[in-house]
Amino acid sequence: VLVKELQALALDVELMQQPGAVKEDSGVI
C-alpha cells in the first residue's frame, strides 16, 4: 500500500507542474 501511495504522490506532484486542466482531471486523489 505504501508504494501505491508514493506513486500517487509522485503523480500528484508531476501533475501539479503541468497545466491546471490535467491537475483537475486527477484532483480526486
PDB file of N, CA and C in Angstrom:
ATOM      1  N   VAL A   1       0.851  -1.204   0.000  1.00  0.00           N
ATOM      2  CA  VAL A   1       0.000   0.000   0.000  1.00  0.00           C
ATOM      3  C   VAL A   1       0.887   1.255   0.000  1.00  0.00           C
ATOM      4  N   LEU A   2       1.996   1.177   0.707  1.00  0.00           N
ATOM      5  CA  LEU A   2       2.877   2.342   0.800  1.00  0.00           C
ATOM      6  C   LEU A   2       3.378   2.756  -0.582  1.00  0.00           C
ATOM      7  N   VAL A   3       3.778   1.738  -1.368  1.00  0.00           N
ATOM      8  CA  VAL A   3       4.287   2.028  -2.711  1.00  0.00           C
ATOM      9  C   VAL A   3       3.206   2.707  -3.547  1.00  0.00           C
ATOM     10  N   LYS A   4       1.974   2.211  -3.397  1.00  0.00           N
ATOM     11  CA  LYS A   4       0.878   2.794  -4.160  1.00  0.00           C
ATOM     12  C   LYS A   4       0.693   4.263  -3.781  1.00  0.00           C
ATOM     13  N   GLU A   5       0.792   4.549  -2.499  1.00  0.00           N
ATOM     14  CA  GLU A   5       0.632   5.938  -2.043  1.00  0.00           C
ATOM     15  C   GLU A   5       1.757   6.810  -2.583  1.00  0.00           C
ATOM     16  N   LEU A   6       2.965   6.259  -2.583  1.00  0.00           N
ATOM     17  CA  LEU A   6       4.104   7.024  -3.103  1.00  0.00           C
ATOM     18  C   LEU A   6       3.916   7.320  -4.580  1.00  0.00           C
ATOM     19  N   GLN A   7       3.425   6.339  -5.325  1.00  0.00           N
ATOM     20  CA  GLN A   7       3.200   6.542  -6.754  1.00  0.00           C
ATOM     21  C   GLN A   7       2.144   7.615  -6.967  1.00  0.00           C
ATOM     22  N   ALA A   8       1.103   7.593  -6.150  1.00  0.00           N
ATOM     23  CA  ALA A   8       0.039   8.592  -6.278  1.00  0.00           C
ATOM     24  C   ALA A   8       0.597   9.972  -5.960  1.00  0.00           C
ATOM     25  N   LEU A   9       1.450  10.034  -4.943  1.00  0.00           N
ATOM     26  CA  LEU A   9       2.066  11.315  -4.575  1.00  0.00           C
ATOM     27  C   LEU A   9       2.929  11.827  -5.724  1.00  0.00           C
ATOM     28  N   ALA A  10       3.752  10.960  -6.272  1.00  0.00           N
ATOM     29  CA  ALA A  10       4.626  11.357  -7.380  1.00  0.00           C
ATOM     30  C   ALA A  10       3.784  11.845  -8.554  1.00  0.00           C
ATOM     31  N   LEU A  11       2.679  11.148  -8.823  1.00  0.00           N
ATOM     32  CA  LEU A  11       1.788  11.554  -9.906  1.00  0.00           C
ATOM     33  C   LEU A  11       1.207  12.927  -9.606  1.00  0.00           C
ATOM     34  N   ASP A  12       0.786  13.127  -8.375  1.00  0.00           N
ATOM     35  CA  ASP A  12       0.183  14.400  -7.989  1.00  0.00           C
ATOM     36  C   ASP A  12       1.173  15.539  -8.203  1.00  0.00           C
ATOM     37  N   VAL A  13       2.400  15.332  -7.755  1.00  0.00           N
ATOM     38  CA  VAL A  13       3.426  16.375  -7.916  1.00  0.00           C
ATOM     39  C   VAL A  13       3.685  16.634  -9.388  1.00  0.00           C
ATOM     40  N   GLU A  14       3.761  15.554 -10.170  1.00  0.00           N
ATOM     41  CA  GLU A  14       4.029  15.692 -11.601  1.00  0.00           C
ATOM     42  C   GLU A  14       2.913  16.489 -12.271  1.00  0.00           C
ATOM     43  N   LEU A  15       1.676  16.193 -11.884  1.00  0.00           N
ATOM     44  CA  LEU A  15       0.544  16.885 -12.491  1.00  0.00           C
ATOM     45  C   LEU A  15       0.509  18.345 -12.057  1.00  0.00           C
ATOM     46  N   MET A  16       0.955  18.604 -10.841  1.00  0.00           N
ATOM     47  CA  MET A  16       0.944  19.982 -10.341  1.00  0.00           C
ATOM     48  C   MET A  16       1.850  20.870 -11.191  1.00  0.00           C
ATOM     49  N   GLN A  17       2.886  20.275 -11.791  1.00  0.00           N
ATOM     50  CA  GLN A  17       3.819  21.045 -12.606  1.00  0.00           C
ATOM     51  C   GLN A  17       3.264  21.241 -14.017  1.00  0.00           C
ATOM     52  N   GLN A  18       2.141  20.592 -14.322  1.00  0.00           N
ATOM     53  CA  GLN A  18       1.554  20.705 -15.656  1.00  0.00           C
ATOM     54  C   GLN A  18       0.332  21.621 -15.611  1.00  0.00           C
ATOM     55  N   PRO A  19      -0.186  21.985 -16.780  1.00  0.00           N
ATOM     56  CA  PRO A  19      -1.369  22.849 -16.862  1.00  0.00           C
ATOM     57  C   PRO A  19      -2.480  22.424 -15.915  1.00  0.00           C
ATOM     58  N   GLY A  20      -3.258  23.360 -15.433  1.00  0.00           N
ATOM     59  CA  GLY A  20      -4.312  23.091 -14.455  1.00  0.00           C
ATOM     60  C   GLY A  20      -5.342  22.100 -14.967  1.00  0.00           C
ATOM     61  N   ALA A  21      -5.557  22.048 -16.274  1.00  0.00           N
ATOM     62  CA  ALA A  21      -6.571  21.149 -16.822  1.00  0.00           C
ATOM     63  C   ALA A  21      -6.254  19.701 -16.434  1.00  0.00           C
ATOM     64  N   VAL A  22      -4.984  19.330 -16.514  1.00  0.00           N
ATOM     65  CA  VAL A  22      -4.596  17.955 -16.185  1.00  0.00           C
ATOM     66  C   VAL A  22      -4.758  17.717 -14.687  1.00  0.00           C
ATOM     67  N   LYS A  23      -4.394  18.727 -13.893  1.00  0.00           N
ATOM     68  CA  LYS A  23      -4.484  18.579 -12.441  1.00  0.00           C
ATOM     69  C   LYS A  23      -5.939  18.377 -12.027  1.00  0.00           C
ATOM     70  N   GLU A  24      -6.825  19.118 -12.652  1.00  0.00           N
ATOM     71  CA  GLU A  24      -8.244  18.981 -12.316  1.00  0.00           C
ATOM     72  C   GLU A  24      -8.720  17.561 -12.586  1.00  0.00           C
ATOM     73  N   ASP A  25      -8.189  16.947 -13.631  1.00  0.00           N
ATOM     74  CA  ASP A  25      -8.636  15.616 -14.029  1.00  0.00           C
ATOM     75  C   ASP A  25      -8.391  14.602 -12.917  1.00  0.00           C
ATOM     76  N   SER A  26      -7.254  14.713 -12.243  1.00  0.00           N
ATOM     77  CA  SER A  26      -6.919  13.724 -11.208  1.00  0.00           C
ATOM     78  C   SER A  26      -7.007  14.352  -9.822  1.00  0.00           C
ATOM     79  N   GLY A  27      -7.842  15.361  -9.673  1.00  0.00           N
ATOM     80  CA  GLY A  27      -7.997  16.007  -8.377  1.00  0.00           C
ATOM     81  C   GLY A  27      -8.693  15.105  -7.374  1.00  0.00           C
ATOM     82  N   VAL A  28      -9.164  13.942  -7.855  1.00  0.00           N
ATOM     83  CA  VAL A  28      -9.874  13.028  -6.974  1.00  0.00           C
ATOM     84  C   VAL A  28      -8.942  12.484  -5.907  1.00  0.00           C
ATOM     85  N   ILE A  29      -7.659  12.333  -6.253  1.00  0.00           N
ATOM     86  CA  ILE A  29      -6.679  11.818  -5.297  1.00  0.00           C
ATOM     87  C   ILE A  29      -6.666  12.728  -4.075  1.00  0.00           C
TER      88      ILE A  29
END
